[in-house]
Protein backbone atom coordinates (compact mmCIF):
# COMPACT_ATOMS: atom_id res chain seq x y z
CA UNK A 1 99.89 99.12 66.53
CA UNK A 2 98.31 102.10 68.17
CA UNK A 3 96.69 104.54 65.80
CA UNK A 4 97.35 108.32 66.08
CA UNK A 5 93.97 109.00 67.62
CA UNK A 6 94.78 106.55 70.47
CA UNK A 7 97.44 108.88 71.71
CA UNK A 8 94.80 111.66 72.01
CA UNK A 9 92.14 109.40 73.40
CA UNK A 10 94.33 107.82 76.09
CA UNK A 11 95.06 110.85 78.37
CA UNK A 12 91.60 112.17 78.06
CA UNK A 13 90.03 108.82 78.84
CA UNK A 14 92.50 108.15 81.65
CA UNK A 15 91.78 111.55 83.30
CA UNK A 16 87.98 110.95 83.07
CA UNK A 17 88.30 107.53 84.64
CA UNK A 18 90.63 108.75 87.47
CA UNK A 19 88.21 111.69 88.16
CA UNK A 20 85.25 109.33 88.25
CA UNK A 21 87.04 106.85 90.60
CA UNK A 22 88.28 109.75 92.87
CA UNK A 23 84.91 111.46 93.14
CA UNK A 24 82.93 108.31 94.07
CA UNK A 25 85.85 106.83 96.07
CA UNK A 26 86.00 110.01 98.13
CA UNK A 27 82.18 110.03 98.77
CA UNK A 28 82.42 106.31 99.91
CA UNK A 29 85.39 107.06 102.23
CA UNK A 30 83.55 110.08 103.78
CA UNK A 31 80.51 108.08 104.44
CA UNK A 32 82.65 105.10 105.63
CA UNK A 33 84.29 107.27 108.24
CA UNK A 34 80.83 108.41 109.48
CA UNK A 35 79.66 104.76 109.58
CA UNK A 36 82.83 103.87 111.53
CA UNK A 37 82.19 106.62 114.12
CA UNK A 38 78.44 105.99 114.69
CA UNK A 39 77.46 103.26 117.05
CA UNK A 40 73.95 102.59 115.91
CA UNK A 41 73.62 99.49 113.70
CA UNK A 42 70.59 100.84 111.89
CA UNK A 43 72.23 103.97 110.86
CA UNK A 44 75.39 102.16 109.88
CA UNK A 45 73.23 99.86 107.60
CA UNK A 46 71.64 102.87 105.94
CA UNK A 47 75.02 104.40 105.29
CA UNK A 48 76.30 101.11 103.71
CA UNK A 49 73.27 101.03 101.48
CA UNK A 50 74.06 104.66 100.34
CA UNK A 51 77.69 103.66 99.77
CA UNK A 52 76.62 100.63 97.65
CA UNK A 53 74.69 103.08 95.40
CA UNK A 54 77.84 105.12 95.01
CA UNK A 55 79.80 101.99 94.23
CA UNK A 56 77.37 101.11 91.45
CA UNK A 57 77.26 104.68 90.06
CA UNK A 58 81.08 104.54 89.77
CA UNK A 59 80.77 101.42 87.64
CA UNK A 60 77.90 102.67 85.46
CA UNK A 61 79.84 105.85 84.58
CA UNK A 62 83.14 103.99 84.12
CA UNK A 63 81.58 101.58 81.69
CA UNK A 64 79.88 104.50 79.96
CA UNK A 65 83.27 106.05 79.31
CA UNK A 66 84.58 102.72 77.99
CA UNK A 67 81.64 102.42 75.55
CA UNK A 68 82.07 106.10 74.42
CA UNK A 69 85.79 105.80 73.65
CA UNK A 70 85.80 102.30 72.27
CA UNK A 71 83.78 100.65 69.55
CA UNK A 72 83.25 97.62 71.76
CA UNK A 73 80.85 94.78 71.69
CA UNK A 74 80.06 93.52 75.23
CA UNK A 75 78.66 89.93 75.21
CA UNK A 76 77.05 88.88 78.30
CA UNK A 77 75.81 85.28 78.42
CA UNK A 78 73.79 84.04 81.48
CA UNK A 79 72.51 80.52 81.47
CA UNK A 80 69.81 81.03 84.22
CA UNK A 81 67.79 83.84 85.76
CA UNK A 82 69.30 85.65 88.77
CA UNK A 83 67.91 87.49 91.66
CA UNK A 84 68.86 90.48 93.91
CA UNK A 85 67.28 88.71 96.79
CA UNK A 86 69.79 85.76 96.84
CA UNK A 87 73.39 85.06 98.12
CA UNK A 88 75.88 84.26 95.40
CA UNK A 89 79.50 83.17 95.34
CA UNK A 90 81.34 84.29 92.16
CA UNK A 91 84.46 82.46 91.01
CA UNK A 92 86.09 84.39 88.18
CA UNK A 93 89.35 84.42 86.27
CA UNK A 94 91.45 87.51 86.58
CA UNK A 95 93.05 89.27 83.61
CA UNK A 96 93.02 92.97 84.28
CA UNK A 97 91.92 95.71 86.79
CA UNK A 98 89.12 96.16 84.16
CA UNK A 99 87.60 92.93 85.46
CA UNK A 100 86.61 94.62 88.75
CA UNK A 101 84.70 97.52 86.97
CA UNK A 102 82.85 95.05 84.73
CA UNK A 103 81.88 92.69 87.45
CA UNK A 104 80.46 95.56 89.63
CA UNK A 105 78.44 96.73 86.64
CA UNK A 106 77.42 93.16 85.85
CA UNK A 107 75.94 92.81 89.27
CA UNK A 108 73.75 96.00 88.96
CA UNK A 109 70.03 95.16 88.84
CA UNK A 110 70.87 91.36 88.69
CA UNK A 111 72.30 90.32 92.03
CA UNK A 112 73.41 91.99 95.26
CA UNK A 113 76.40 94.39 95.29
CA UNK A 114 79.56 92.40 95.24
CA UNK A 115 82.23 92.12 97.90
CA UNK A 116 85.66 91.35 96.58
CA UNK A 117 88.35 89.30 98.52
CA UNK A 118 91.29 91.62 98.07
CA UNK A 119 95.05 91.25 98.60
CA UNK A 120 96.07 93.11 101.71
CA UNK A 121 98.54 95.21 99.84
CA UNK A 122 95.65 96.93 97.94
CA UNK A 123 94.46 98.69 101.04
CA UNK A 124 97.39 101.11 100.36
CA UNK A 125 96.13 102.11 96.81
CA UNK A 126 95.05 105.71 96.77
CA UNK A 127 91.19 106.09 97.16
CA UNK A 128 90.59 102.47 96.20
CA UNK A 129 91.95 100.92 99.39
CA UNK A 130 90.09 103.04 101.83
CA UNK A 131 86.89 102.86 99.67
CA UNK A 132 87.13 99.09 99.86
CA UNK A 133 87.70 99.19 103.59
CA UNK A 134 84.61 101.46 104.05
CA UNK A 135 82.58 98.93 101.99
CA UNK A 136 83.45 96.14 104.39
CA UNK A 137 85.44 94.19 101.89
CA UNK A 138 87.85 91.62 103.20
CA UNK A 139 91.66 92.02 102.77
CA UNK A 140 93.47 88.80 102.58
CA UNK A 141 97.11 88.25 103.55
CA UNK A 142 98.46 85.51 101.38
CA UNK A 143 101.59 83.77 102.49
CA UNK A 144 103.93 81.77 100.33
CA UNK A 145 104.73 78.06 101.09
CA UNK A 146 108.32 78.96 101.93
CA UNK A 147 107.17 81.79 104.36
CA UNK A 148 104.75 79.46 106.13
CA UNK A 149 107.54 76.93 106.63
CA UNK A 150 109.55 79.56 108.39
CA UNK A 151 106.48 80.98 110.25
CA UNK A 152 104.15 78.07 110.93
CA UNK A 153 102.09 79.99 113.57
CA UNK A 154 100.58 82.04 110.65
CA UNK A 155 99.24 79.01 108.92
CA UNK A 156 95.51 79.46 108.43
CA UNK A 157 95.63 83.15 109.27
CA UNK A 158 94.16 84.19 105.86
CA UNK A 159 91.37 81.62 106.23
CA UNK A 160 90.49 83.02 109.57
CA UNK A 161 90.08 86.46 107.92
CA UNK A 162 87.75 84.89 105.42
CA UNK A 163 85.60 83.40 108.30
CA UNK A 164 85.37 86.77 110.12
CA UNK A 165 84.49 88.61 106.87
CA UNK A 166 81.77 86.07 106.02
CA UNK A 167 80.01 86.70 109.34
CA UNK A 168 79.24 90.19 108.21
CA UNK A 169 77.22 88.97 105.24
CA UNK A 170 74.89 86.53 106.95
CA UNK A 171 71.93 88.89 107.50
CA UNK A 172 71.70 90.56 104.07
CA UNK A 173 71.85 89.08 100.49
CA UNK A 174 75.39 89.44 99.28
CA UNK A 175 77.60 88.53 96.28
CA UNK A 176 80.99 87.40 97.27
CA UNK A 177 83.62 87.54 94.40
CA UNK A 178 86.79 85.42 94.66
CA UNK A 179 89.49 85.63 92.00
CA UNK A 180 90.73 82.27 92.97
CA UNK A 181 93.89 82.53 90.99
CA UNK A 182 95.02 85.01 93.58
CA UNK A 183 96.55 87.41 91.05
CA UNK A 184 96.11 88.77 87.54
CA UNK A 185 96.98 86.47 84.55
CA UNK A 186 100.05 87.26 82.43
CA UNK A 187 101.93 84.78 80.07
CA UNK A 188 105.02 85.23 82.17
CA UNK A 189 103.15 84.25 85.42
CA UNK A 190 101.68 81.32 83.56
CA UNK A 191 105.11 80.07 82.58
CA UNK A 192 106.75 80.97 85.94
CA UNK A 193 104.02 79.10 87.97
CA UNK A 194 104.03 76.17 85.48
CA UNK A 195 100.20 76.43 85.02
CA UNK A 196 98.76 73.59 83.07
CA UNK A 197 96.23 76.17 81.63
CA UNK A 198 97.16 78.18 78.60
CA UNK A 199 95.12 81.19 79.39
CA UNK A 200 94.65 80.74 83.23
CA UNK A 201 96.74 80.39 86.31
CA UNK A 202 96.26 77.46 88.78
CA UNK A 203 93.22 78.15 90.93
CA UNK A 204 93.86 78.25 94.79
CA UNK A 205 91.25 76.17 96.43
CA UNK A 206 91.71 77.03 100.09
CA UNK A 207 89.95 80.44 100.31
CA UNK A 208 86.92 79.38 98.23
CA UNK A 209 86.62 76.16 100.14
CA UNK A 210 86.63 77.91 103.41
CA UNK A 211 84.00 80.43 102.21
CA UNK A 212 81.71 77.57 101.24
CA UNK A 213 82.25 75.88 104.60
CA UNK A 214 81.60 79.15 106.45
CA UNK A 215 78.43 80.25 104.62
CA UNK A 216 77.66 77.58 101.97
CA UNK A 217 74.09 77.11 103.32
CA UNK A 218 73.36 80.72 102.46
CA UNK A 219 74.53 80.67 98.98
CA UNK A 220 71.80 80.09 96.36
CA UNK A 221 74.30 79.32 93.65
CA UNK A 222 77.95 79.66 92.56
CA UNK A 223 78.28 81.77 89.45
CA UNK A 224 81.30 80.65 87.44
CA UNK A 225 82.12 83.73 85.51
CA UNK A 226 84.67 83.65 82.59
CA UNK A 227 85.99 86.89 81.47
CA UNK A 228 87.78 87.39 78.14
CA UNK A 229 89.09 90.15 75.94
CA UNK A 230 89.56 88.15 72.69
CA UNK A 231 91.23 91.00 70.63
CA UNK A 232 93.43 92.46 73.43
CA UNK A 233 96.74 91.48 74.90
CA UNK A 234 96.78 94.46 77.25
CA UNK A 235 93.12 95.17 78.11
CA UNK A 236 93.61 98.25 80.23
CA UNK A 237 95.93 99.98 77.78
CA UNK A 238 93.78 99.06 74.87
CA UNK A 239 90.58 100.22 76.70
CA UNK A 240 92.11 103.56 77.61
CA UNK A 241 93.42 104.07 74.07
CA UNK A 242 90.14 103.39 72.45
CA UNK A 243 91.30 100.04 70.94
CA UNK A 244 89.05 97.69 72.91
CA UNK A 245 86.65 95.88 70.43
CA UNK A 246 85.19 92.87 72.34
CA UNK A 247 84.46 91.88 76.04
CA UNK A 248 82.95 88.51 76.95
CA UNK A 249 81.28 87.89 80.27
CA UNK A 250 80.14 84.30 80.36
CA UNK A 251 78.04 83.09 83.45
CA UNK A 252 77.51 79.39 84.32
CA UNK A 253 75.17 78.86 87.29
CA UNK A 254 76.36 76.02 89.44
CA UNK A 255 74.52 74.28 92.52
CA UNK A 256 75.86 74.49 95.95
CA UNK A 257 75.53 70.95 97.51
CA UNK A 258 77.16 68.86 100.04
CA UNK A 259 79.79 67.60 97.69
CA UNK A 260 81.65 70.94 97.77
CA UNK A 261 81.12 71.83 101.44
CA UNK A 262 83.53 70.14 103.93
CA UNK A 263 86.58 70.53 105.93
CA UNK A 264 89.28 71.30 103.31
CA UNK A 265 92.22 71.55 105.72
CA UNK A 266 91.64 68.50 107.86
CA UNK A 267 89.76 66.08 105.48
CA UNK A 268 92.25 64.78 102.85
CA UNK A 269 89.56 62.90 100.89
CA UNK A 270 87.40 66.02 100.69
CA UNK A 271 90.49 68.17 99.80
CA UNK A 272 91.26 66.07 96.79
CA UNK A 273 87.66 65.91 95.74
CA UNK A 274 87.30 69.68 95.97
CA UNK A 275 90.63 70.20 94.00
CA UNK A 276 89.37 67.97 91.25
CA UNK A 277 86.00 69.95 91.15
CA UNK A 278 87.73 73.29 90.91
CA UNK A 279 90.29 72.16 88.31
CA UNK A 280 87.48 70.73 86.17
CA UNK A 281 85.97 74.19 86.19
CA UNK A 282 89.16 75.75 85.20
CA UNK A 283 89.69 73.35 82.42
CA UNK A 284 86.34 74.08 80.95
CA UNK A 285 86.93 77.88 81.38
CA UNK A 286 90.31 77.67 79.67
CA UNK A 287 88.75 75.81 76.77
CA UNK A 288 86.11 78.60 76.32
CA UNK A 289 88.68 81.38 76.46
CA UNK A 290 90.88 79.47 73.91
CA UNK A 291 87.89 78.99 71.57
CA UNK A 292 86.93 82.72 71.82
CA UNK A 293 90.50 83.92 71.10
CA UNK A 294 90.94 81.48 68.19
CA UNK A 295 87.67 82.56 66.70
CA UNK A 296 88.71 86.21 66.77
CA UNK A 297 92.37 85.58 65.64
């Protein structure tokens, strides 16, 4: 049940969040156009650093609004020290668009600015799509199994996009974020996709396996991040309406070793081994979310 004050808070908070996103997004797009036009790599690098600052400012202000309008406890649990001078691959579950804001803010002063693997359709989102393009984020075209059966020449196209994107990150510490479920979790999607996990969708192994094969030797660690909003069924609506009470960001630091680096698409033994590893992560992640929800029930 929404309280009367929620109907007052919602439009004010929404307008402030949109204004914050539009301001910083427009600044990033403007600098991105200049970066695209200028041929000098050194200048382009400086401009990208400035845009990363804008990107962080956006998240800081956005989270400040969230904390102002919500009496929310944010629990961040990190099992090992992190560094801004290392490369990280983040595997995270995906519940809400709020996840993106929280993960950008989480990276601030801990690890390098994050690059998200985004669905190609998101490039058409006002402000957000062009800002992501300006920040050199990879846009992935995901094809269904039925579509690939009818268009076999496109098989592996999304993985090739991953490879080209990874090449941009070799010379500077980078955080790569992969929402390996491919889309946001809902109970309906969980049922429709016949997911064996009560609070997660099935993880898609191909993209993350190829990322590890492409630049696994650079990654210092994998950060297995579990996001949860234990008291919220609709996190974005609850957050905008001032009803968000708890956010959990749980970080498990995992090694990158030869057991998870290999040819996922040609080596059947490795593919099965990698799927077992990823499903085990998801089983543990699901258990953690279930425990948090039940303890706040």
